[in-house]
Amino acid sequence: MHLAYALPIFIVPLETKPSLLPQAPFAISIAILPVRLHLRFRSPKIVTKEEDSMEKYLYEYIRRMTPFFRDIDQETAHDIASAVLSFKFGLYAKTVADAGRAASRLPMDEAGRVLGRALQIIKDRAMALEESRVGEFSPVGFDAQDVPFLAVALKAEEIEDQESLKLDNALLLLYTVAYLQSPDDVQSLDEHQNFVLQILESYREPLNLK
């Protein structure tokens, strides 16, 4: 059908009587244009991928936390993201500085209080590791009122290491708040998502995730 539009260029005489040679490329380009447009603008093929249970759990946690941390400004959230990633890479002095800056700007509500505890937990642990006190953790902890904000809430008999659980919950909460409130850091957080997925992986059995 599209070739039919190109053929008159060869057949119908023009007043200027152009030669066949200049007309040929033009006619061919018209003929192939619909094909190029189809290839460029056709709907992409959707590949279905089964979501990993750890990823699903993390995304559900992020969605659950969304309403609580809308008052965290982007600058504070950026410092939180920097604290998490610095801790991941063993840059403990930077973790301490970033966590301290973020903590100084938190809102004075329940969500801000829990977030402040998480920042203090990671800050104390980073300070201990920076000074090679590897067995020392933060004296700050979460209490029963904080449970709705935590990614991993276990029964007492399911907890093997209370200090590690406390630190893990702090990191998961901070990652989530940074992901929600610092759009400039989302790509970096996505690239290092395995860090938090590995944390969740260690709780696969008590969380009953298959």
Protein backbone atom coordinates (compact mmCIF):
# COMPACT_ATOMS: atom_id res chain seq x y z
CA MET A 1 0.00 0.00 0.00
CA HIS A 2 2.73 2.45 0.95
CA LEU A 3 4.59 1.67 -2.28
CA ALA A 4 1.56 2.96 -4.17
CA TYR A 5 2.26 6.44 -2.86
CA ALA A 6 5.83 6.28 -4.06
CA LEU A 7 5.17 4.98 -7.59
CA PRO A 8 3.51 8.14 -8.98
CA ILE A 9 6.77 9.94 -8.47
CA PHE A 10 8.22 7.80 -11.23
CA ILE A 11 5.11 7.75 -13.44
CA VAL A 12 3.53 11.22 -13.35
CA PRO A 13 5.52 13.74 -15.40
CA LEU A 14 6.52 16.97 -13.71
CA GLU A 15 6.86 20.37 -15.39
CA THR A 16 10.52 20.60 -14.45
CA LYS A 17 11.12 17.05 -15.82
CA PRO A 18 13.49 15.95 -13.08
CA SER A 19 15.70 13.03 -13.81
CA LEU A 20 14.96 9.58 -12.45
CA LEU A 21 18.16 9.47 -10.39
CA PRO A 22 17.26 12.23 -7.86
CA GLN A 23 13.70 10.90 -7.53
CA ALA A 24 14.69 7.35 -6.65
CA PRO A 25 16.11 7.92 -3.14
CA PHE A 26 13.18 10.16 -2.26
CA ALA A 27 10.61 7.59 -3.36
CA ILE A 28 12.38 4.79 -1.52
CA SER A 29 12.56 6.84 1.69
CA ILE A 30 8.79 7.44 1.54
CA ALA A 31 8.19 3.75 1.04
CA ILE A 32 10.25 2.65 4.06
CA LEU A 33 9.12 5.48 6.39
CA PRO A 34 6.03 3.60 7.69
CA VAL A 35 8.24 0.61 8.53
CA ARG A 36 10.67 2.77 10.49
CA LEU A 37 7.83 4.46 12.36
CA HIS A 38 6.32 1.10 13.25
CA LEU A 39 9.63 -0.18 14.61
CA ARG A 40 10.25 2.99 16.60
CA PHE A 41 6.84 3.52 18.18
CA ARG A 42 5.48 0.01 18.62
CA SER A 43 4.71 -1.04 22.17
CA PRO A 44 7.69 -2.70 23.89
CA LYS A 45 7.43 -6.35 24.74
CA ILE A 46 6.80 -6.79 28.44
CA VAL A 47 8.92 -9.43 30.13
CA THR A 48 7.31 -10.90 33.21
CA LYS A 49 9.71 -11.38 36.08
CA GLU A 50 8.91 -13.19 39.30
CA GLU A 51 9.52 -10.89 42.26
CA ASP A 52 11.89 -12.19 44.90
CA SER A 53 10.27 -12.61 48.32
CA MET A 54 12.96 -10.44 49.95
CA GLU A 55 12.39 -7.63 47.44
CA LYS A 56 8.64 -7.93 47.89
CA TYR A 57 9.00 -7.72 51.67
CA LEU A 58 11.25 -4.65 51.39
CA TYR A 59 8.90 -2.83 49.00
CA GLU A 60 5.90 -3.59 51.21
CA TYR A 61 7.81 -2.17 54.17
CA ILE A 62 8.69 0.96 52.20
CA ARG A 63 5.04 1.42 51.22
CA ARG A 64 3.96 0.90 54.82
CA MET A 65 6.35 3.59 56.04
CA THR A 66 5.36 6.14 53.39
CA PRO A 67 2.72 8.04 55.43
CA PHE A 68 4.93 8.44 58.51
CA PHE A 69 7.96 10.26 57.12
CA ARG A 70 6.55 12.88 54.75
CA ASP A 71 7.82 15.67 57.01
CA ILE A 72 11.46 14.68 56.51
CA ASP A 73 12.98 17.28 54.18
CA GLN A 74 15.22 16.30 51.26
CA GLU A 75 18.40 17.66 52.83
CA THR A 76 17.92 15.57 55.96
CA ALA A 77 16.96 12.53 53.90
CA HIS A 78 20.11 12.99 51.82
CA ASP A 79 22.24 12.94 54.97
CA ILE A 80 20.44 9.77 56.05
CA ALA A 81 21.15 8.15 52.69
CA SER A 82 24.80 9.19 52.96
CA ALA A 83 25.02 7.73 56.48
CA VAL A 84 23.64 4.37 55.32
CA LEU A 85 25.89 4.12 52.27
CA SER A 86 28.94 5.31 54.23
CA PHE A 87 28.30 2.62 56.82
CA LYS A 88 27.96 0.04 54.07
CA PHE A 89 31.37 0.99 52.65
CA GLY A 90 33.07 1.17 56.04
CA LEU A 91 33.47 4.96 56.01
CA TYR A 92 32.58 5.16 59.67
CA ALA A 93 33.79 8.70 60.40
CA LYS A 94 31.55 9.96 57.59
CA THR A 95 28.66 7.89 58.94
CA VAL A 96 29.03 9.60 62.32
CA ALA A 97 29.06 13.07 60.73
CA ASP A 98 26.11 12.40 58.41
CA ALA A 99 24.00 10.80 61.13
CA GLY A 100 24.71 13.69 63.48
CA ARG A 101 23.62 16.29 60.90
CA ALA A 102 20.44 14.40 60.08
CA ALA A 103 19.53 13.92 63.74
CA SER A 104 19.76 17.66 64.40
CA ARG A 105 16.97 18.40 61.88
CA LEU A 106 14.35 15.77 62.71
CA PRO A 107 10.74 16.74 63.39
CA MET A 108 9.52 16.51 66.98
CA ASP A 109 6.90 13.80 66.43
CA GLU A 110 6.72 10.06 67.02
CA ALA A 111 8.23 9.19 63.63
CA GLY A 112 11.03 11.68 64.22
CA ARG A 113 11.71 10.16 67.64
CA VAL A 114 12.04 6.63 66.24
CA LEU A 115 14.19 7.89 63.39
CA GLY A 116 16.41 9.67 65.90
CA ARG A 117 16.95 6.39 67.73
CA ALA A 118 17.88 4.66 64.48
CA LEU A 119 20.41 7.38 63.68
CA GLN A 120 21.93 7.14 67.16
CA ILE A 121 22.20 3.36 66.89
CA ILE A 122 24.09 3.52 63.60
CA LYS A 123 26.17 6.46 64.79
CA ASP A 124 27.28 4.67 67.97
CA ARG A 125 28.09 1.50 66.08
CA ALA A 126 30.08 3.40 63.44
CA MET A 127 32.02 5.22 66.15
CA ALA A 128 32.87 1.92 67.84
CA LEU A 129 34.03 0.35 64.57
CA GLU A 130 36.08 3.44 63.70
CA GLU A 131 37.91 2.97 66.99
CA SER A 132 38.24 -0.83 66.50
CA ARG A 133 35.84 -1.62 69.35
CA VAL A 134 34.16 -4.30 67.24
CA GLY A 135 32.17 -5.87 70.05
CA GLU A 136 30.52 -2.62 71.15
CA PHE A 137 27.02 -1.57 70.12
CA SER A 138 24.83 1.39 70.94
CA PRO A 139 23.20 1.56 74.40
CA VAL A 140 20.16 3.06 72.62
CA GLY A 141 17.45 0.65 71.56
CA PHE A 142 13.91 0.41 70.28
CA ASP A 143 11.00 -0.16 72.62
CA ALA A 144 7.54 -1.68 72.25
CA GLN A 145 6.09 1.60 70.94
CA ASP A 146 8.58 1.57 68.07
CA VAL A 147 7.56 -1.86 66.72
CA PRO A 148 5.15 -0.49 64.06
CA PHE A 149 8.12 1.31 62.48
CA LEU A 150 10.45 -1.69 62.39
CA ALA A 151 10.98 -3.99 59.41
CA VAL A 152 11.79 -7.05 61.52
CA ALA A 153 9.65 -7.56 64.61
CA LEU A 154 10.34 -10.92 66.24
CA LYS A 155 9.16 -12.70 69.33
CA ALA A 156 11.66 -12.91 72.18
CA GLU A 157 12.29 -16.62 71.59
CA GLU A 158 13.06 -15.96 67.91
CA ILE A 159 15.81 -13.42 68.59
CA GLU A 160 19.30 -14.92 68.45
CA ASP A 161 21.28 -11.66 68.64
CA GLN A 162 19.48 -8.67 70.10
CA GLU A 163 22.24 -6.18 69.24
CA SER A 164 22.46 -7.24 65.60
CA LEU A 165 18.67 -7.12 65.26
CA LYS A 166 18.63 -3.59 66.68
CA LEU A 167 21.31 -2.42 64.24
CA ASP A 168 19.64 -4.18 61.31
CA ASN A 169 16.28 -2.55 62.05
CA ALA A 170 17.99 0.84 62.29
CA LEU A 171 19.67 0.39 58.90
CA LEU A 172 16.46 -0.84 57.26
CA LEU A 173 14.48 2.10 58.61
CA LEU A 174 17.10 4.65 57.57
CA TYR A 175 17.38 3.13 54.08
CA THR A 176 13.61 3.31 53.72
CA VAL A 177 13.31 6.95 54.81
CA ALA A 178 16.15 7.95 52.50
CA TYR A 179 14.50 6.05 49.64
CA LEU A 180 11.18 7.80 50.26
CA GLN A 181 12.37 11.34 50.86
CA SER A 182 15.61 11.82 48.92
CA PRO A 183 14.85 11.44 45.19
CA ASP A 184 18.42 12.39 44.29
CA ASP A 185 19.70 9.28 46.11
CA VAL A 186 17.19 6.73 44.82
CA GLN A 187 19.47 5.51 42.02
CA SER A 188 22.41 4.97 44.40
CA LEU A 189 20.15 3.25 46.93
CA ASP A 190 18.78 0.99 44.20
CA GLU A 191 22.29 0.09 43.07
CA HIS A 192 23.22 -0.96 46.61
CA GLN A 193 19.92 -2.55 47.49
CA ASN A 194 21.58 -5.92 47.97
CA PHE A 195 23.01 -4.52 51.20
CA VAL A 196 19.58 -4.32 52.82
CA LEU A 197 18.29 -7.43 51.06
CA GLN A 198 21.11 -9.42 52.64
CA ILE A 199 20.06 -8.06 56.02
CA LEU A 200 16.53 -9.27 55.42
CA GLU A 201 17.80 -12.60 54.11
CA SER A 202 19.23 -13.44 57.53
CA TYR A 203 15.67 -13.26 58.91
CA ARG A 204 14.00 -15.30 56.16
CA GLU A 205 13.11 -18.21 58.43
CA PRO A 206 11.66 -16.31 61.43
CA LEU A 207 9.74 -14.05 59.03
CA ASN A 208 8.42 -17.17 57.30
CA LEU A 209 9.43 -15.95 53.85
CA LYS A 210 9.82 -18.56 51.11
